[in-house]
N, C-alpha and C. Protein backbone atom coordinates (compact mmCIF):
# COMPACT_ATOMS: atom_id res chain seq x y z
N MET A 1 0.88 -1.21 -0.03
CA MET A 1 0.04 -0.05 0.00
C MET A 1 0.90 1.24 0.00
N PHE A 2 0.19 2.42 0.01
CA PHE A 2 0.93 3.59 0.09
C PHE A 2 1.36 4.04 1.48
N SER A 3 2.50 4.61 1.55
CA SER A 3 2.86 5.21 2.88
C SER A 3 2.18 6.53 3.08
N LYS A 4 2.30 6.96 4.26
CA LYS A 4 1.67 8.29 4.57
C LYS A 4 2.35 9.40 3.77
N ARG A 5 3.55 9.27 3.49
CA ARG A 5 4.38 10.31 2.82
C ARG A 5 3.82 10.32 1.39
N ASP A 6 3.68 9.14 0.78
CA ASP A 6 3.12 9.12 -0.62
C ASP A 6 1.73 9.65 -0.70
N LEU A 7 0.89 9.42 0.22
CA LEU A 7 -0.48 9.90 0.29
C LEU A 7 -0.55 11.36 0.44
N ILE A 8 0.39 11.94 1.25
CA ILE A 8 0.41 13.42 1.34
C ILE A 8 0.96 14.08 0.04
N GLY A 9 1.94 13.39 -0.61
CA GLY A 9 2.35 13.89 -1.90
C GLY A 9 1.32 13.87 -3.00
N VAL A 10 0.51 12.84 -2.96
CA VAL A 10 -0.58 12.67 -4.02
C VAL A 10 -1.61 13.76 -3.73
N CYS A 11 -1.98 13.98 -2.44
CA CYS A 11 -3.02 15.01 -2.04
C CYS A 11 -2.38 16.41 -2.47
N GLY A 12 -1.13 16.58 -2.30
CA GLY A 12 -0.60 17.92 -2.71
C GLY A 12 -0.65 18.17 -4.17
N VAL A 13 -0.38 17.14 -5.00
CA VAL A 13 -0.50 17.32 -6.47
C VAL A 13 -1.95 17.45 -6.80
N ILE A 14 -2.85 16.81 -6.22
CA ILE A 14 -4.30 16.97 -6.58
C ILE A 14 -4.77 18.39 -6.18
N ALA A 15 -4.26 18.93 -5.04
CA ALA A 15 -4.52 20.22 -4.57
C ALA A 15 -4.07 21.30 -5.53
N LEU A 16 -2.83 21.11 -6.03
CA LEU A 16 -2.22 22.08 -6.83
C LEU A 16 -2.93 22.01 -8.26
N THR A 17 -3.27 20.89 -8.69
CA THR A 17 -4.01 20.76 -10.04
C THR A 17 -5.42 21.35 -9.84
N ALA A 18 -6.10 21.19 -8.76
CA ALA A 18 -7.40 21.83 -8.70
C ALA A 18 -7.30 23.31 -8.63
N ALA A 19 -6.23 23.79 -7.95
CA ALA A 19 -6.12 25.27 -7.81
C ALA A 19 -5.73 25.86 -9.15
N ALA A 20 -5.08 25.18 -9.98
CA ALA A 20 -4.74 25.71 -11.29
C ALA A 20 -5.91 25.73 -12.25
N CYS A 21 -6.99 24.88 -11.92
CA CYS A 21 -8.07 24.92 -12.87
C CYS A 21 -9.26 25.72 -12.36
N THR A 22 -9.02 26.68 -11.45
CA THR A 22 -10.15 27.49 -11.05
C THR A 22 -10.53 28.50 -11.99
N PRO A 23 -11.80 28.60 -12.27
CA PRO A 23 -12.34 29.46 -13.43
C PRO A 23 -12.04 30.98 -12.98
N THR A 24 -11.92 31.80 -14.11
CA THR A 24 -11.81 33.22 -13.88
C THR A 24 -13.04 33.89 -14.47
N VAL A 25 -13.54 34.78 -13.55
CA VAL A 25 -14.73 35.55 -14.01
C VAL A 25 -14.36 36.99 -14.09
N ARG A 26 -14.69 37.50 -15.27
CA ARG A 26 -14.42 38.95 -15.55
C ARG A 26 -15.63 39.65 -15.83
N LEU A 27 -15.83 40.75 -15.19
CA LEU A 27 -17.02 41.64 -15.45
C LEU A 27 -16.64 42.90 -15.96
N GLU A 28 -17.02 43.19 -17.19
CA GLU A 28 -16.67 44.45 -17.90
C GLU A 28 -18.00 45.27 -18.06
N VAL A 29 -17.96 46.49 -17.59
CA VAL A 29 -19.11 47.36 -17.76
C VAL A 29 -18.73 48.55 -18.60
N ALA A 30 -19.51 48.73 -19.71
CA ALA A 30 -19.27 49.93 -20.60
C ALA A 30 -19.67 51.20 -19.86
N PRO A 31 -19.03 52.22 -19.98
CA PRO A 31 -19.43 53.44 -19.37
C PRO A 31 -20.69 54.08 -19.87
N ILE A 32 -21.55 54.60 -19.10
CA ILE A 32 -22.86 55.15 -19.41
C ILE A 32 -22.80 56.64 -19.24
N GLN A 33 -23.14 57.35 -20.30
CA GLN A 33 -23.15 58.81 -20.22
C GLN A 33 -24.64 59.23 -20.02
N ILE A 34 -24.87 59.98 -19.01
CA ILE A 34 -26.26 60.42 -18.79
C ILE A 34 -26.29 62.03 -18.88
N TYR A 35 -27.10 62.47 -19.68
CA TYR A 35 -27.23 63.98 -19.83
C TYR A 35 -28.53 64.36 -19.16
N ALA A 36 -28.44 65.24 -18.23
CA ALA A 36 -29.74 65.67 -17.56
C ALA A 36 -29.78 67.16 -17.61
N LYS A 37 -30.94 67.72 -17.77
CA LYS A 37 -31.14 69.15 -17.81
C LYS A 37 -32.26 69.36 -16.62
N LEU A 38 -31.83 70.18 -15.70
CA LEU A 38 -32.73 70.61 -14.65
C LEU A 38 -33.40 71.83 -14.93
N ASP A 39 -34.71 71.76 -14.92
CA ASP A 39 -35.58 72.97 -15.21
C ASP A 39 -35.75 73.80 -13.93
N ALA A 40 -35.83 75.08 -14.11
CA ALA A 40 -36.07 75.99 -12.88
C ALA A 40 -37.35 75.66 -12.19
N ASP A 41 -38.32 75.25 -12.90
CA ASP A 41 -39.60 74.84 -12.36
C ASP A 41 -39.42 73.68 -11.30
N VAL A 42 -38.58 72.76 -11.69
CA VAL A 42 -38.32 71.61 -10.76
C VAL A 42 -37.65 72.14 -9.42
N ARG A 43 -36.64 72.95 -9.55
CA ARG A 43 -36.06 73.53 -8.35
C ARG A 43 -37.04 74.31 -7.50
N ILE A 44 -37.90 75.10 -8.11
CA ILE A 44 -38.88 75.88 -7.28
C ILE A 44 -39.78 74.87 -6.58
N ARG A 45 -40.19 73.76 -7.23
CA ARG A 45 -41.13 72.87 -6.57
C ARG A 45 -40.45 72.12 -5.45
N LEU A 46 -39.23 71.88 -5.66
CA LEU A 46 -38.37 71.12 -4.54
C LEU A 46 -38.25 72.09 -3.43
N ASP A 47 -37.94 73.32 -3.68
CA ASP A 47 -37.71 74.35 -2.62
C ASP A 47 -38.98 74.54 -1.89
N ARG A 48 -40.15 74.49 -2.45
CA ARG A 48 -41.37 74.69 -1.84
C ARG A 48 -41.70 73.47 -0.99
N GLU A 49 -41.46 72.23 -1.52
CA GLU A 49 -41.77 71.08 -0.76
C GLU A 49 -40.81 71.00 0.42
N LEU A 50 -39.51 71.43 0.32
CA LEU A 50 -38.64 71.43 1.41
C LEU A 50 -39.19 72.42 2.55
N GLN A 51 -39.56 73.60 2.14
CA GLN A 51 -40.04 74.63 3.05
C GLN A 51 -41.25 74.10 3.80
N ASP A 52 -42.22 73.48 3.03
CA ASP A 52 -43.30 72.89 3.70
C ASP A 52 -42.95 71.74 4.71
N LEU A 53 -42.00 70.92 4.35
CA LEU A 53 -41.51 69.97 5.32
C LEU A 53 -40.91 70.61 6.56
N LEU A 54 -40.18 71.63 6.41
CA LEU A 54 -39.49 72.32 7.52
C LEU A 54 -40.63 73.02 8.43
N VAL A 55 -41.69 73.50 7.83
CA VAL A 55 -42.75 74.07 8.53
C VAL A 55 -43.48 73.01 9.37
N GLU A 56 -43.68 71.85 8.83
CA GLU A 56 -44.46 70.77 9.41
C GLU A 56 -43.50 70.12 10.51
N ASN A 57 -42.24 69.98 10.32
CA ASN A 57 -41.22 69.35 11.16
C ASN A 57 -40.19 70.33 11.57
N PRO A 58 -40.35 71.26 12.43
CA PRO A 58 -39.30 72.23 12.79
C PRO A 58 -38.02 71.67 13.36
N ASN A 59 -38.11 70.50 13.93
CA ASN A 59 -36.94 69.84 14.56
C ASN A 59 -36.21 68.94 13.71
N LEU A 60 -36.46 69.01 12.37
CA LEU A 60 -35.92 68.07 11.34
C LEU A 60 -34.43 68.25 11.26
N PHE A 61 -33.96 69.42 11.36
CA PHE A 61 -32.50 69.64 11.24
C PHE A 61 -31.97 70.21 12.54
C-alpha cells in the first residue's frame, strides 16, 4: 500500500491541480453617459416642498 508520505504527496499534487483549474470570472461594464437638464420649475417645486416639510417638522435639522 501507500505510505503516509506518498499519500500526502498525491494529495498535494491533486490540490495544486485543482487550484490551477479554478475558473476566472471577468465583469466588464461599458461607461454610461447620462445627460440631464434641470428645469427651474423643478427647483422651485423642490424648494417649496422642502419649506413645507420644515414648517411641518421644525426639529428636522
